[in-house]
């Protein structure tokens, strides 16, 4: 089972949405996320870790 299939199965079992970070960043390194009037930056590092900052 690949990682996305595993994530989808886990999501279905727990009823929690799963989002692919590469799709959120559209193949780049950053995505902006808006929540309750605040803007956050999601960044993928060189070692494929995620950092979320305000």
C-alpha atoms as a PDB file:
ATOM      1  CA  UNK A   1       0.000   0.000   0.000  1.00  0.00           C
ATOM      2  CA  UNK A   2       1.493   3.405  -0.924  1.00  0.00           C
ATOM      3  CA  UNK A   3       1.578   6.426   1.396  1.00  0.00           C
ATOM      4  CA  UNK A   4      -1.395   8.182  -0.220  1.00  0.00           C
ATOM      5  CA  UNK A   5      -3.525   5.024  -0.114  1.00  0.00           C
ATOM      6  CA  UNK A   6      -2.590   4.556   3.551  1.00  0.00           C
ATOM      7  CA  UNK A   7      -3.438   8.197   4.270  1.00  0.00           C
ATOM      8  CA  UNK A   8      -6.767   7.845   2.482  1.00  0.00           C
ATOM      9  CA  UNK A   9      -7.611   4.699   4.435  1.00  0.00           C
ATOM     10  CA  UNK A  10      -6.668   6.375   7.703  1.00  0.00           C
ATOM     11  CA  UNK A  11      -8.722   9.431   6.774  1.00  0.00           C
ATOM     12  CA  UNK A  12     -11.780   7.334   5.972  1.00  0.00           C
ATOM     13  CA  UNK A  13     -11.428   5.366   9.192  1.00  0.00           C
ATOM     14  CA  UNK A  14     -11.119   8.499  11.338  1.00  0.00           C
ATOM     15  CA  UNK A  15     -13.320  10.870   9.268  1.00  0.00           C
ATOM     16  CA  UNK A  16     -10.469  13.416   9.179  1.00  0.00           C
ATOM     17  CA  UNK A  17      -9.528  15.059   5.867  1.00  0.00           C
ATOM     18  CA  UNK A  18      -6.070  14.302   4.466  1.00  0.00           C
ATOM     19  CA  UNK A  19      -4.360  16.853   2.221  1.00  0.00           C
ATOM     20  CA  UNK A  20      -1.213  16.307   0.174  1.00  0.00           C
ATOM     21  CA  UNK A  21       1.295  19.082   1.000  1.00  0.00           C
ATOM     22  CA  UNK A  22       2.699  18.993  -2.540  1.00  0.00           C
ATOM     23  CA  UNK A  23      -0.752  19.693  -3.948  1.00  0.00           C
ATOM     24  CA  UNK A  24      -1.281  22.527  -1.446  1.00  0.00           C
ATOM     25  CA  UNK A  25       1.989  24.128  -2.561  1.00  0.00           C
ATOM     26  CA  UNK A  26       1.242  23.352  -6.226  1.00  0.00           C
ATOM     27  CA  UNK A  27       4.658  21.703  -6.567  1.00  0.00           C
ATOM     28  CA  UNK A  28       6.509  24.581  -4.904  1.00  0.00           C
ATOM     29  CA  UNK A  29       7.849  24.997  -1.390  1.00  0.00           C
ATOM     30  CA  UNK A  30       5.206  27.252   0.233  1.00  0.00           C
ATOM     31  CA  UNK A  31       1.465  27.698   0.528  1.00  0.00           C
ATOM     32  CA  UNK A  32      -0.525  30.375   2.316  1.00  0.00           C
ATOM     33  CA  UNK A  33      -3.414  29.282   4.508  1.00  0.00           C
ATOM     34  CA  UNK A  34      -6.103  31.688   5.684  1.00  0.00           C
ATOM     35  CA  UNK A  35      -7.956  31.002   8.959  1.00  0.00           C
ATOM     36  CA  UNK A  36     -10.183  33.390  10.920  1.00  0.00           C
ATOM     37  CA  UNK A  37      -8.608  36.522   9.474  1.00  0.00           C
ATOM     38  CA  UNK A  38      -5.046  35.244  10.015  1.00  0.00           C
ATOM     39  CA  UNK A  39      -2.646  34.281   7.253  1.00  0.00           C
ATOM     40  CA  UNK A  40      -0.283  31.350   7.835  1.00  0.00           C
ATOM     41  CA  UNK A  41       2.607  30.080   5.748  1.00  0.00           C
ATOM     42  CA  UNK A  42       3.119  26.345   5.233  1.00  0.00           C
ATOM     43  CA  UNK A  43       6.653  25.561   4.089  1.00  0.00           C
ATOM     44  CA  UNK A  44       8.280  22.315   2.955  1.00  0.00           C
ATOM     45  CA  UNK A  45      11.938  22.228   4.035  1.00  0.00           C
ATOM     46  CA  UNK A  46      14.898  20.749   2.132  1.00  0.00           C
ATOM     47  CA  UNK A  47      14.604  17.593   4.253  1.00  0.00           C
ATOM     48  CA  UNK A  48      10.842  17.284   3.546  1.00  0.00           C
ATOM     49  CA  UNK A  49       9.586  18.486   6.921  1.00  0.00           C
ATOM     50  CA  UNK A  50       6.642  20.858   7.260  1.00  0.00           C
ATOM     51  CA  UNK A  51       6.784  24.194   9.058  1.00  0.00           C
ATOM     52  CA  UNK A  52       3.642  26.263   9.711  1.00  0.00           C
ATOM     53  CA  UNK A  53       4.203  29.896  10.729  1.00  0.00           C
ATOM     54  CA  UNK A  54       2.090  32.990  11.205  1.00  0.00           C
END
